Amino acid sequence: MARSSGSHHPYPRSARVNKILREVISDELVRISDLDERLGLLTVTGVETTPDMRQAMVYFDSLSDGAKAALEERRGQIQSMVNAQTRLKRTPKLSFRADPAVASGEAVEELLRRQRHDDE
């Protein structure tokens, strides 16, 4: 019997994997933030996996200057936790990048503040 082409999931597999990875990575960072103060003020804002699910870009925002270095140093530990907590055929290789949308949003807010100040 042929399989139905319809899926019982409301969104694609990559979106589900991205969501799961974001949750697992966020939880792990909360757990290890006691070990590395550079991770204490860090938020995972999103995860984007490649179509083949071999790599994942983890977007973050942080008030700490050393957050990216801390993430890179702990990549193996975070990947191990992802592997242990997910049922993926292969664990994507994680990369970390400061979320450019956060910086863009801050720039827009600053422009709006200036405009409001100029109007007063």
C-alpha atoms as a PDB file:
ATOM      1  CA  MET A   1       0.000   0.000   0.000  1.00  0.00           C
ATOM      2  CA  ALA A   2       1.326   3.443  -0.916  1.00  0.00           C
ATOM      3  CA  ARG A   3       2.140   5.898   1.829  1.00  0.00           C
ATOM      4  CA  SER A   4       0.123   9.043   2.062  1.00  0.00           C
ATOM      5  CA  SER A   5       1.968  12.089   0.795  1.00  0.00           C
ATOM      6  CA  GLY A   6       0.460  14.164   3.600  1.00  0.00           C
ATOM      7  CA  SER A   7       2.409  14.565   6.820  1.00  0.00           C
ATOM      8  CA  HIS A   8       0.922  14.558  10.282  1.00  0.00           C
ATOM      9  CA  HIS A   9       3.443  17.232  11.323  1.00  0.00           C
ATOM     10  CA  PRO A  10       2.378  20.853  10.889  1.00  0.00           C
ATOM     11  CA  TYR A  11       5.829  21.985   9.765  1.00  0.00           C
ATOM     12  CA  PRO A  12       8.887  20.504   8.025  1.00  0.00           C
ATOM     13  CA  ARG A  13      11.420  18.204   9.648  1.00  0.00           C
ATOM     14  CA  SER A  14      14.163  20.837   9.550  1.00  0.00           C
ATOM     15  CA  ALA A  15      12.005  23.238  11.582  1.00  0.00           C
ATOM     16  CA  ARG A  16      11.306  20.505  14.161  1.00  0.00           C
ATOM     17  CA  VAL A  17      15.022  19.624  14.380  1.00  0.00           C
ATOM     18  CA  ASN A  18      15.924  23.323  14.741  1.00  0.00           C
ATOM     19  CA  LYS A  19      13.439  23.686  17.596  1.00  0.00           C
ATOM     20  CA  ILE A  20      14.686  20.575  19.394  1.00  0.00           C
ATOM     21  CA  LEU A  21      18.323  21.617  19.002  1.00  0.00           C
ATOM     22  CA  ARG A  22      17.569  25.115  20.339  1.00  0.00           C
ATOM     23  CA  GLU A  23      15.856  23.639  23.407  1.00  0.00           C
ATOM     24  CA  VAL A  24      18.579  21.075  24.153  1.00  0.00           C
ATOM     25  CA  ILE A  25      21.412  23.562  23.634  1.00  0.00           C
ATOM     26  CA  SER A  26      19.668  26.201  25.782  1.00  0.00           C
ATOM     27  CA  ASP A  27      19.136  23.693  28.586  1.00  0.00           C
ATOM     28  CA  GLU A  28      22.753  22.555  28.422  1.00  0.00           C
ATOM     29  CA  LEU A  29      24.010  26.142  28.518  1.00  0.00           C
ATOM     30  CA  VAL A  30      21.946  26.836  31.626  1.00  0.00           C
ATOM     31  CA  ARG A  31      23.460  23.736  33.212  1.00  0.00           C
ATOM     32  CA  ILE A  32      27.076  24.621  32.400  1.00  0.00           C
ATOM     33  CA  SER A  33      26.827  28.393  32.934  1.00  0.00           C
ATOM     34  CA  ASP A  34      27.914  27.826  36.548  1.00  0.00           C
ATOM     35  CA  LEU A  35      31.195  26.444  35.204  1.00  0.00           C
ATOM     36  CA  ASP A  36      31.866  29.354  32.837  1.00  0.00           C
ATOM     37  CA  GLU A  37      30.702  32.859  33.717  1.00  0.00           C
ATOM     38  CA  ARG A  38      30.968  33.932  30.054  1.00  0.00           C
ATOM     39  CA  LEU A  39      27.865  31.804  29.378  1.00  0.00           C
ATOM     40  CA  GLY A  40      25.764  33.279  32.177  1.00  0.00           C
ATOM     41  CA  LEU A  41      24.147  36.066  30.176  1.00  0.00           C
ATOM     42  CA  LEU A  42      23.632  34.184  26.924  1.00  0.00           C
ATOM     43  CA  THR A  43      20.429  33.426  25.040  1.00  0.00           C
ATOM     44  CA  VAL A  44      20.107  31.015  22.128  1.00  0.00           C
ATOM     45  CA  THR A  45      17.932  32.935  19.671  1.00  0.00           C
ATOM     46  CA  GLY A  46      17.712  30.300  16.957  1.00  0.00           C
ATOM     47  CA  VAL A  47      19.225  27.310  15.196  1.00  0.00           C
ATOM     48  CA  GLU A  48      19.453  26.687  11.451  1.00  0.00           C
ATOM     49  CA  THR A  49      20.416  23.274  10.139  1.00  0.00           C
ATOM     50  CA  THR A  50      21.653  22.622   6.637  1.00  0.00           C
ATOM     51  CA  PRO A  51      19.292  20.610   4.389  1.00  0.00           C
ATOM     52  CA  ASP A  52      21.410  17.458   4.870  1.00  0.00           C
ATOM     53  CA  MET A  53      21.280  17.963   8.682  1.00  0.00           C
ATOM     54  CA  ARG A  54      25.072  17.634   8.948  1.00  0.00           C
ATOM     55  CA  GLN A  55      25.695  21.148  10.257  1.00  0.00           C
ATOM     56  CA  ALA A  56      23.783  23.562  12.443  1.00  0.00           C
ATOM     57  CA  MET A  57      24.360  27.268  12.987  1.00  0.00           C
ATOM     58  CA  VAL A  58      23.444  28.301  16.524  1.00  0.00           C
ATOM     59  CA  TYR A  59      22.521  31.988  16.802  1.00  0.00           C
ATOM     60  CA  PHE A  60      22.918  33.655  20.177  1.00  0.00           C
ATOM     61  CA  ASP A  61      22.798  36.969  21.990  1.00  0.00           C
ATOM     62  CA  SER A  62      25.009  37.729  24.950  1.00  0.00           C
ATOM     63  CA  LEU A  63      26.097  40.576  27.160  1.00  0.00           C
ATOM     64  CA  SER A  64      29.468  38.868  27.640  1.00  0.00           C
ATOM     65  CA  ASP A  65      32.347  39.642  25.283  1.00  0.00           C
ATOM     66  CA  GLY A  66      33.759  36.132  25.688  1.00  0.00           C
ATOM     67  CA  ALA A  67      30.560  34.212  24.896  1.00  0.00           C
ATOM     68  CA  LYS A  68      31.584  33.038  21.422  1.00  0.00           C
ATOM     69  CA  ALA A  69      34.969  31.826  22.676  1.00  0.00           C
ATOM     70  CA  ALA A  70      33.264  29.971  25.540  1.00  0.00           C
ATOM     71  CA  LEU A  71      30.831  28.325  23.128  1.00  0.00           C
ATOM     72  CA  GLU A  72      33.663  27.261  20.836  1.00  0.00           C
ATOM     73  CA  GLU A  73      35.613  25.824  23.783  1.00  0.00           C
ATOM     74  CA  ARG A  74      32.590  23.835  24.949  1.00  0.00           C
ATOM     75  CA  ARG A  75      31.393  22.731  21.500  1.00  0.00           C
ATOM     76  CA  GLY A  76      32.279  19.069  22.122  1.00  0.00           C
ATOM     77  CA  GLN A  77      30.452  19.002  25.439  1.00  0.00           C
ATOM     78  CA  ILE A  78      27.362  20.653  23.914  1.00  0.00           C
ATOM     79  CA  GLN A  79      27.408  18.300  20.920  1.00  0.00           C
ATOM     80  CA  SER A  80      27.676  15.294  23.215  1.00  0.00           C
ATOM     81  CA  MET A  81      24.618  16.466  25.111  1.00  0.00           C
ATOM     82  CA  VAL A  82      22.710  16.999  21.853  1.00  0.00           C
ATOM     83  CA  ASN A  83      23.646  13.470  20.818  1.00  0.00           C
ATOM     84  CA  ALA A  84      22.558  12.026  24.169  1.00  0.00           C
ATOM     85  CA  GLN A  85      19.217  13.847  24.261  1.00  0.00           C
ATOM     86  CA  THR A  86      18.028  13.531  20.670  1.00  0.00           C
ATOM     87  CA  ARG A  87      17.211  10.642  18.399  1.00  0.00           C
ATOM     88  CA  LEU A  88      18.874  11.987  15.276  1.00  0.00           C
ATOM     89  CA  LYS A  89      20.624   9.718  12.819  1.00  0.00           C
ATOM     90  CA  ARG A  90      23.675  11.948  13.110  1.00  0.00           C
ATOM     91  CA  THR A  91      24.380  14.880  15.341  1.00  0.00           C
ATOM     92  CA  PRO A  92      24.941  18.059  13.330  1.00  0.00           C
ATOM     93  CA  LYS A  93      28.274  19.816  13.751  1.00  0.00           C
ATOM     94  CA  LEU A  94      27.528  22.975  15.705  1.00  0.00           C
ATOM     95  CA  SER A  95      28.790  26.423  14.770  1.00  0.00           C
ATOM     96  CA  PHE A  96      28.065  29.582  16.737  1.00  0.00           C
ATOM     97  CA  ARG A  97      27.312  33.099  15.537  1.00  0.00           C
ATOM     98  CA  ALA A  98      26.053  36.226  17.257  1.00  0.00           C
ATOM     99  CA  ASP A  99      22.509  36.854  16.011  1.00  0.00           C
ATOM    100  CA  PRO A 100      22.636  39.732  13.497  1.00  0.00           C
ATOM    101  CA  ALA A 101      18.907  40.367  13.968  1.00  0.00           C
ATOM    102  CA  VAL A 102      19.523  41.469  17.562  1.00  0.00           C
ATOM    103  CA  ALA A 103      22.073  44.090  16.479  1.00  0.00           C
ATOM    104  CA  SER A 104      19.728  45.282  13.717  1.00  0.00           C
ATOM    105  CA  GLY A 105      16.862  45.595  16.188  1.00  0.00           C
ATOM    106  CA  GLU A 106      19.033  47.587  18.581  1.00  0.00           C
ATOM    107  CA  ALA A 107      20.041  49.936  15.748  1.00  0.00           C
ATOM    108  CA  VAL A 108      16.385  50.501  14.821  1.00  0.00           C
ATOM    109  CA  GLU A 109      15.491  51.184  18.449  1.00  0.00           C
ATOM    110  CA  GLU A 110      18.313  53.730  18.695  1.00  0.00           C
ATOM    111  CA  LEU A 111      17.057  55.506  15.548  1.00  0.00           C
ATOM    112  CA  LEU A 112      13.543  55.618  16.984  1.00  0.00           C
ATOM    113  CA  ARG A 113      14.849  57.037  20.280  1.00  0.00           C
ATOM    114  CA  ARG A 114      16.756  59.746  18.409  1.00  0.00           C
ATOM    115  CA  GLN A 115      13.702  60.590  16.305  1.00  0.00           C
ATOM    116  CA  ARG A 116      11.505  60.835  19.394  1.00  0.00           C
ATOM    117  CA  HIS A 117      14.105  63.028  21.115  1.00  0.00           C
ATOM    118  CA  ASP A 118      14.379  65.289  18.042  1.00  0.00           C
ATOM    119  CA  ASP A 119      10.573  65.618  17.891  1.00  0.00           C
ATOM    120  CA  GLU A 120      10.473  66.808  21.515  1.00  0.00           C
END
